[in-house]
PDB file of all heavy atoms in Angstrom:
ATOM      1  N   PHE A   1      85.299-101.714  88.763  1.00  0.00           N
ATOM      2  CA  PHE A   1      85.892-102.125  90.027  1.00  0.00           C
ATOM      3  C   PHE A   1      87.284-101.515  90.140  1.00  0.00           C
ATOM      4  O   PHE A   1      88.041-101.503  89.164  1.00  0.00           O
ATOM      5  CB  PHE A   1      85.999-103.656  90.106  1.00  0.00           C
ATOM      6  CG  PHE A   1      84.678-104.359  90.063  1.00  0.00           C
ATOM      7  CD1 PHE A   1      84.213-104.922  88.872  1.00  0.00           C
ATOM      8  CD2 PHE A   1      83.882-104.448  91.194  1.00  0.00           C
ATOM      9  CE1 PHE A   1      82.997-105.562  88.827  1.00  0.00           C
ATOM     10  CE2 PHE A   1      82.655-105.091  91.149  1.00  0.00           C
ATOM     11  CZ  PHE A   1      82.213-105.646  89.961  1.00  0.00           C
ATOM     12  N   PRO A   2      87.624-101.037  91.336  1.00  0.00           N
ATOM     13  CA  PRO A   2      88.957-100.448  91.529  1.00  0.00           C
ATOM     14  C   PRO A   2      90.081-101.476  91.354  1.00  0.00           C
ATOM     15  O   PRO A   2      91.192-101.122  90.970  1.00  0.00           O
ATOM     16  CB  PRO A   2      88.948 -99.929  92.959  1.00  0.00           C
ATOM     17  CG  PRO A   2      87.525 -99.904  93.378  1.00  0.00           C
ATOM     18  CD  PRO A   2      86.791-100.874  92.513  1.00  0.00           C
ATOM     19  N   SER A   3      89.778-102.745  91.628  1.00  0.00           N
ATOM     20  CA  SER A   3      90.810-103.786  91.508  1.00  0.00           C
ATOM     21  C   SER A   3      90.155-105.137  91.248  1.00  0.00           C
ATOM     22  O   SER A   3      88.939-105.292  91.368  1.00  0.00           O
ATOM     23  CB  SER A   3      91.626-103.856  92.797  1.00  0.00           C
ATOM     24  OG  SER A   3      90.833-104.376  93.850  1.00  0.00           O
ATOM     25  N   VAL A   4      90.978-106.118  90.910  1.00  0.00           N
ATOM     26  CA  VAL A   4      90.494-107.478  90.705  1.00  0.00           C
ATOM     27  C   VAL A   4      89.891-108.015  92.007  1.00  0.00           C
ATOM     28  O   VAL A   4      88.851-108.690  91.988  1.00  0.00           O
ATOM     29  CB  VAL A   4      91.646-108.400  90.216  1.00  0.00           C
ATOM     30  CG1 VAL A   4      91.214-109.850  90.203  1.00  0.00           C
ATOM     31  CG2 VAL A   4      92.127-107.979  88.850  1.00  0.00           C
ATOM     32  N   ASN A   5      90.534-107.703  93.105  1.00  0.00           N
ATOM     33  CA  ASN A   5      90.030-108.182  94.392  1.00  0.00           C
ATOM     34  C   ASN A   5      88.636-107.636  94.690  1.00  0.00           C
ATOM     35  O   ASN A   5      87.775-108.356  95.209  1.00  0.00           O
ATOM     36  CB  ASN A   5      90.987-107.827  95.528  1.00  0.00           C
ATOM     37  CG  ASN A   5      92.194-108.735  95.549  1.00  0.00           C
ATOM     38  OD1 ASN A   5      92.154-109.845  95.017  1.00  0.00           O
ATOM     39  ND2 ASN A   5      93.282-108.262  96.135  1.00  0.00           N
ATOM     40  N   ASP A   6      88.389-106.376  94.369  1.00  0.00           N
ATOM     41  CA  ASP A   6      87.054-105.796  94.580  1.00  0.00           C
ATOM     42  C   ASP A   6      86.011-106.517  93.733  1.00  0.00           C
ATOM     43  O   ASP A   6      84.902-106.797  94.186  1.00  0.00           O
ATOM     44  CB  ASP A   6      87.052-104.296  94.250  1.00  0.00           C
ATOM     45  CG  ASP A   6      87.821-103.476  95.270  1.00  0.00           C
ATOM     46  OD1 ASP A   6      87.592-103.679  96.475  1.00  0.00           O
ATOM     47  OD2 ASP A   6      88.654-102.660  94.846  1.00  0.00           O
ATOM     48  N   ALA A   7      86.374-106.814  92.488  1.00  0.00           N
ATOM     49  CA  ALA A   7      85.461-107.552  91.609  1.00  0.00           C
ATOM     50  C   ALA A   7      85.201-108.943  92.177  1.00  0.00           C
ATOM     51  O   ALA A   7      84.058-109.426  92.206  1.00  0.00           O
ATOM     52  CB  ALA A   7      86.055-107.655  90.207  1.00  0.00           C
ATOM     53  N   LYS A   8      86.259-109.591  92.650  1.00  0.00           N
ATOM     54  CA  LYS A   8      86.133-110.938  93.209  1.00  0.00           C
ATOM     55  C   LYS A   8      85.236-110.921  94.445  1.00  0.00           C
ATOM     56  O   LYS A   8      84.347-111.764  94.587  1.00  0.00           O
ATOM     57  CB  LYS A   8      87.524-111.479  93.553  1.00  0.00           C
ATOM     58  CG  LYS A   8      87.516-112.910  93.994  1.00  0.00           C
ATOM     59  CD  LYS A   8      88.882-113.578  93.995  1.00  0.00           C
ATOM     60  CE  LYS A   8      89.924-112.821  94.763  1.00  0.00           C
ATOM     61  NZ  LYS A   8      91.190-113.568  94.910  1.00  0.00           N
ATOM     62  N   TYR A   9      85.432-109.956  95.333  1.00  0.00           N
ATOM     63  CA  TYR A   9      84.609-109.892  96.549  1.00  0.00           C
ATOM     64  C   TYR A   9      83.145-109.611  96.220  1.00  0.00           C
ATOM     65  O   TYR A   9      82.245-110.162  96.828  1.00  0.00           O
ATOM     66  CB  TYR A   9      85.156-108.846  97.523  1.00  0.00           C
ATOM     67  CG  TYR A   9      86.568-109.149  97.983  1.00  0.00           C
ATOM     68  CD1 TYR A   9      87.489-108.140  98.168  1.00  0.00           C
ATOM     69  CD2 TYR A   9      86.996-110.457  98.210  1.00  0.00           C
ATOM     70  CE1 TYR A   9      88.788-108.412  98.586  1.00  0.00           C
ATOM     71  CE2 TYR A   9      88.284-110.746  98.612  1.00  0.00           C
ATOM     72  CZ  TYR A   9      89.174-109.718  98.799  1.00  0.00           C
ATOM     73  OH  TYR A   9      90.454-109.992  99.196  1.00  0.00           O
ATOM     74  N   TRP A  10      82.911-108.759  95.226  1.00  0.00           N
ATOM     75  CA  TRP A  10      81.536-108.472  94.817  1.00  0.00           C
ATOM     76  C   TRP A  10      80.890-109.744  94.271  1.00  0.00           C
ATOM     77  O   TRP A  10      79.752-110.082  94.624  1.00  0.00           O
ATOM     78  CB  TRP A  10      81.519-107.369  93.751  1.00  0.00           C
ATOM     79  CG  TRP A  10      80.129-106.982  93.337  1.00  0.00           C
ATOM     80  CD1 TRP A  10      79.321-106.078  93.951  1.00  0.00           C
ATOM     81  CD2 TRP A  10      79.381-107.517  92.237  1.00  0.00           C
ATOM     82  NE1 TRP A  10      78.114-106.002  93.292  1.00  0.00           N
ATOM     83  CE2 TRP A  10      78.119-106.881  92.246  1.00  0.00           C
ATOM     84  CE3 TRP A  10      79.644-108.458  91.258  1.00  0.00           C
ATOM     85  CZ2 TRP A  10      77.140-107.162  91.297  1.00  0.00           C
ATOM     86  CZ3 TRP A  10      78.671-108.741  90.313  1.00  0.00           C
ATOM     87  CH2 TRP A  10      77.435-108.093  90.345  1.00  0.00           C
ATOM     88  N   LEU A  11      81.599-110.461  93.431  1.00  0.00           N
ATOM     89  CA  LEU A  11      81.066-111.706  92.864  1.00  0.00           C
ATOM     90  C   LEU A  11      80.820-112.758  93.944  1.00  0.00           C
ATOM     91  O   LEU A  11      79.823-113.485  93.884  1.00  0.00           O
ATOM     92  CB  LEU A  11      82.011-112.253  91.795  1.00  0.00           C
ATOM     93  CG  LEU A  11      81.985-111.517  90.452  1.00  0.00           C
ATOM     94  CD1 LEU A  11      83.169-111.916  89.596  1.00  0.00           C
ATOM     95  CD2 LEU A  11      80.676-111.780  89.726  1.00  0.00           C
ATOM     96  N   ILE A  12      81.697-112.847  94.912  1.00  0.00           N
ATOM     97  CA  ILE A  12      81.501-113.806  96.009  1.00  0.00           C
ATOM     98  C   ILE A  12      80.194-113.501  96.739  1.00  0.00           C
ATOM     99  O   ILE A  12      79.396-114.400  97.015  1.00  0.00           O
ATOM    100  CB  ILE A  12      82.702-113.795  96.986  1.00  0.00           C
ATOM    101  CG1 ILE A  12      83.928-114.413  96.315  1.00  0.00           C
ATOM    102  CG2 ILE A  12      82.365-114.540  98.271  1.00  0.00           C
ATOM    103  CD1 ILE A  12      85.231-114.231  97.096  1.00  0.00           C
ATOM    104  N   ARG A  13      79.954-112.217  97.053  1.00  0.00           N
ATOM    105  CA  ARG A  13      78.706-111.834  97.737  1.00  0.00           C
ATOM    106  C   ARG A  13      77.480-112.183  96.898  1.00  0.00           C
ATOM    107  O   ARG A  13      76.505-112.745  97.390  1.00  0.00           O
ATOM    108  CB  ARG A  13      78.701-110.337  98.054  1.00  0.00           C
ATOM    109  CG  ARG A  13      79.322-109.972  99.369  1.00  0.00           C
ATOM    110  CD  ARG A  13      79.009-108.544  99.804  1.00  0.00           C
ATOM    111  NE  ARG A  13      79.061-107.536  98.758  1.00  0.00           N
ATOM    112  CZ  ARG A  13      80.165-106.906  98.362  1.00  0.00           C
ATOM    113  NH1 ARG A  13      81.310-107.185  98.903  1.00  0.00           N
ATOM    114  NH2 ARG A  13      80.103-105.990  97.423  1.00  0.00           N
ATOM    115  N   VAL A  14      77.531-111.850  95.611  1.00  0.00           N
ATOM    116  CA  VAL A  14      76.396-112.107  94.718  1.00  0.00           C
ATOM    117  C   VAL A  14      76.136-113.605  94.596  1.00  0.00           C
ATOM    118  O   VAL A  14      74.997-114.066  94.709  1.00  0.00           O
ATOM    119  CB  VAL A  14      76.636-111.461  93.329  1.00  0.00           C
ATOM    120  CG1 VAL A  14      75.592-111.919  92.336  1.00  0.00           C
ATOM    121  CG2 VAL A  14      76.632-109.943  93.447  1.00  0.00           C
ATOM    122  N   VAL A  15      77.185-114.386  94.399  1.00  0.00           N
ATOM    123  CA  VAL A  15      77.032-115.836  94.237  1.00  0.00           C
ATOM    124  C   VAL A  15      76.567-116.475  95.547  1.00  0.00           C
ATOM    125  O   VAL A  15      75.719-117.368  95.545  1.00  0.00           O
ATOM    126  CB  VAL A  15      78.347-116.475  93.734  1.00  0.00           C
ATOM    127  CG1 VAL A  15      78.324-117.980  93.873  1.00  0.00           C
ATOM    128  CG2 VAL A  15      78.590-116.084  92.288  1.00  0.00           C
ATOM    129  N   LYS A  16      77.112-116.017  96.660  1.00  0.00           N
ATOM    130  CA  LYS A  16      76.694-116.562  97.963  1.00  0.00           C
ATOM    131  C   LYS A  16      75.200-116.326  98.181  1.00  0.00           C
ATOM    132  O   LYS A  16      74.453-117.249  98.523  1.00  0.00           O
ATOM    133  CB  LYS A  16      77.495-115.923  99.103  1.00  0.00           C
ATOM    134  CG  LYS A  16      77.060-116.402 100.482  1.00  0.00           C
ATOM    135  CD  LYS A  16      77.667-115.569 101.588  1.00  0.00           C
ATOM    136  CE  LYS A  16      77.146-114.201 101.529  1.00  0.00           C
ATOM    137  NZ  LYS A  16      76.554-113.533 102.570  1.00  0.00           N
ATOM    138  N   ASN A  17      74.745-115.104  97.950  1.00  0.00           N
ATOM    139  CA  ASN A  17      73.320-114.791  98.133  1.00  0.00           C
ATOM    140  C   ASN A  17      72.436-115.564  97.154  1.00  0.00           C
ATOM    141  O   ASN A  17      71.393-116.103  97.539  1.00  0.00           O
ATOM    142  CB  ASN A  17      73.078-113.287  97.991  1.00  0.00           C
ATOM    143  CG  ASN A  17      73.670-112.508  99.140  1.00  0.00           C
ATOM    144  OD1 ASN A  17      73.869-113.043 100.227  1.00  0.00           O
ATOM    145  ND2 ASN A  17      73.982-111.249  98.905  1.00  0.00           N
ATOM    146  N   ALA A  18      72.853-115.640  95.910  1.00  0.00           N
ATOM    147  CA  ALA A  18      72.076-116.383  94.908  1.00  0.00           C
ATOM    148  C   ALA A  18      72.021-117.867  95.276  1.00  0.00           C
ATOM    149  O   ALA A  18      70.985-118.516  95.121  1.00  0.00           O
ATOM    150  CB  ALA A  18      72.680-116.189  93.523  1.00  0.00           C
ATOM    151  N   SER A  19      73.131-118.402  95.763  1.00  0.00           N
ATOM    152  CA  SER A  19      73.177-119.819  96.146  1.00  0.00           C
ATOM    153  C   SER A  19      72.268-120.097  97.336  1.00  0.00           C
ATOM    154  O   SER A  19      71.560-121.108  97.370  1.00  0.00           O
ATOM    155  CB  SER A  19      74.609-120.231  96.485  1.00  0.00           C
ATOM    156  OG  SER A  19      75.447-120.069  95.374  1.00  0.00           O
ATOM    157  N   LEU A  20      72.287-119.222  98.319  1.00  0.00           N
ATOM    158  CA  LEU A  20      71.410-119.389  99.487  1.00  0.00           C
ATOM    159  C   LEU A  20      69.945-119.326  99.072  1.00  0.00           C
ATOM    160  O   LEU A  20      69.127-120.133  99.529  1.00  0.00           O
ATOM    161  CB  LEU A  20      71.723-118.342 100.552  1.00  0.00           C
ATOM    162  CG  LEU A  20      73.068-118.494 101.259  1.00  0.00           C
ATOM    163  CD1 LEU A  20      73.369-117.278 102.115  1.00  0.00           C
ATOM    164  CD2 LEU A  20      73.111-119.767 102.088  1.00  0.00           C
ATOM    165  N   ASN A  21      69.611-118.379  98.193  1.00  0.00           N
ATOM    166  CA  ASN A  21      68.231-118.281  97.705  1.00  0.00           C
ATOM    167  C   ASN A  21      67.838-119.542  96.927  1.00  0.00           C
ATOM    168  O   ASN A  21      66.725-120.047  97.070  1.00  0.00           O
ATOM    169  CB  ASN A  21      68.054-117.047  96.820  1.00  0.00           C
ATOM    170  CG  ASN A  21      68.101-115.765  97.615  1.00  0.00           C
ATOM    171  OD1 ASN A  21      67.882-115.756  98.822  1.00  0.00           O
ATOM    172  ND2 ASN A  21      68.417-114.672  96.940  1.00  0.00           N
ATOM    173  N   TYR A  22      68.744-120.035  96.117  1.00  0.00           N
ATOM    174  CA  TYR A  22      68.503-121.260  95.346  1.00  0.00           C
ATOM    175  C   TYR A  22      68.239-122.435  96.287  1.00  0.00           C
ATOM    176  O   TYR A  22      67.290-123.202  96.098  1.00  0.00           O
ATOM    177  CB  TYR A  22      69.707-121.536  94.449  1.00  0.00           C
ATOM    178  CG  TYR A  22      69.626-122.828  93.668  1.00  0.00           C
ATOM    179  CD1 TYR A  22      69.021-122.861  92.419  1.00  0.00           C
ATOM    180  CD2 TYR A  22      70.157-124.010  94.177  1.00  0.00           C
ATOM    181  CE1 TYR A  22      68.946-124.037  91.688  1.00  0.00           C
ATOM    182  CE2 TYR A  22      70.081-125.194  93.460  1.00  0.00           C
ATOM    183  CZ  TYR A  22      69.481-125.208  92.222  1.00  0.00           C
ATOM    184  OH  TYR A  22      69.401-126.374  91.516  1.00  0.00           O
ATOM    185  N   ALA A  23      69.076-122.571  97.302  1.00  0.00           N
ATOM    186  CA  ALA A  23      68.930-123.677  98.259  1.00  0.00           C
ATOM    187  C   ALA A  23      67.598-123.580  99.010  1.00  0.00           C
ATOM    188  O   ALA A  23      66.911-124.591  99.207  1.00  0.00           O
ATOM    189  CB  ALA A  23      70.098-123.687  99.238  1.00  0.00           C
ATOM    190  N   LYS A  24      67.218-122.371  99.412  1.00  0.00           N
ATOM    191  CA  LYS A  24      65.932-122.191 100.100  1.00  0.00           C
ATOM    192  C   LYS A  24      64.770-122.549  99.183  1.00  0.00           C
ATOM    193  O   LYS A  24      63.819-123.204  99.593  1.00  0.00           O
ATOM    194  CB  LYS A  24      65.773-120.736 100.561  1.00  0.00           C
ATOM    195  CG  LYS A  24      66.602-120.373 101.754  1.00  0.00           C
ATOM    196  CD  LYS A  24      66.393-118.905 102.094  1.00  0.00           C
ATOM    197  CE  LYS A  24      67.394-118.419 103.098  1.00  0.00           C
ATOM    198  NZ  LYS A  24      67.295-116.968 103.314  1.00  0.00           N
ATOM    199  N   ARG A  25      64.850-122.100  97.923  1.00  0.00           N
ATOM    200  CA  ARG A  25      63.783-122.387  96.962  1.00  0.00           C
ATOM    201  C   ARG A  25      63.658-123.891  96.731  1.00  0.00           C
ATOM    202  O   ARG A  25      62.560-124.442  96.699  1.00  0.00           O
ATOM    203  CB  ARG A  25      64.048-121.650  95.643  1.00  0.00           C
ATOM    204  CG  ARG A  25      62.913-121.783  94.646  1.00  0.00           C
ATOM    205  CD  ARG A  25      63.127-120.955  93.382  1.00  0.00           C
ATOM    206  NE  ARG A  25      64.262-121.416  92.610  1.00  0.00           N
ATOM    207  CZ  ARG A  25      65.402-120.748  92.445  1.00  0.00           C
ATOM    208  NH1 ARG A  25      65.559-119.567  92.999  1.00  0.00           N
ATOM    209  NH2 ARG A  25      66.387-121.255  91.722  1.00  0.00           N
ATOM    210  N   LYS A  26      64.793-124.575  96.600  1.00  0.00           N
ATOM    211  CA  LYS A  26      64.770-126.025  96.398  1.00  0.00           C
ATOM    212  C   LYS A  26      64.164-126.736  97.610  1.00  0.00           C
ATOM    213  O   LYS A  26      63.407-127.697  97.463  1.00  0.00           O
ATOM    214  CB  LYS A  26      66.181-126.564  96.122  1.00  0.00           C
ATOM    215  CG  LYS A  26      66.656-126.278  94.731  1.00  0.00           C
ATOM    216  CD  LYS A  26      65.782-126.985  93.718  1.00  0.00           C
ATOM    217  CE  LYS A  26      66.196-126.723  92.315  1.00  0.00           C
ATOM    218  NZ  LYS A  26      65.236-127.152  91.333  1.00  0.00           N
ATOM    219  N   ALA A  27      64.487-126.260  98.809  1.00  0.00           N
ATOM    220  CA  ALA A  27      63.928-126.868 100.023  1.00  0.00           C
ATOM    221  C   ALA A  27      62.413-126.659 100.071  1.00  0.00           C
ATOM    222  O   ALA A  27      61.661-127.571 100.418  1.00  0.00           O
ATOM    223  CB  ALA A  27      64.589-126.280 101.262  1.00  0.00           C
ATOM    224  N   ARG A  28      61.953-125.455  99.712  1.00  0.00           N
ATOM    225  CA  ARG A  28      60.504-125.179  99.677  1.00  0.00           C
ATOM    226  C   ARG A  28      59.815-126.064  98.644  1.00  0.00           C
ATOM    227  O   ARG A  28      58.746-126.610  98.894  1.00  0.00           O
ATOM    228  CB  ARG A  28      60.239-123.709  99.354  1.00  0.00           C
ATOM    229  CG  ARG A  28      60.320-122.781 100.527  1.00  0.00           C
ATOM    230  CD  ARG A  28      59.732-121.416 100.200  1.00  0.00           C
ATOM    231  NE  ARG A  28      60.275-120.814  99.007  1.00  0.00           N
ATOM    232  CZ  ARG A  28      61.322-120.005  98.958  1.00  0.00           C
ATOM    233  NH1 ARG A  28      61.971-119.716 100.056  1.00  0.00           N
ATOM    234  NH2 ARG A  28      61.736-119.494  97.820  1.00  0.00           N
TER     235      ARG A  28
END
């Protein structure tokens, strides 16, 4: 990552998507 902020933004996207998938799976 070019900077800490880039790493943080990448992790936010990954965690957000994983969390949404988790929530959908739990609802199903």
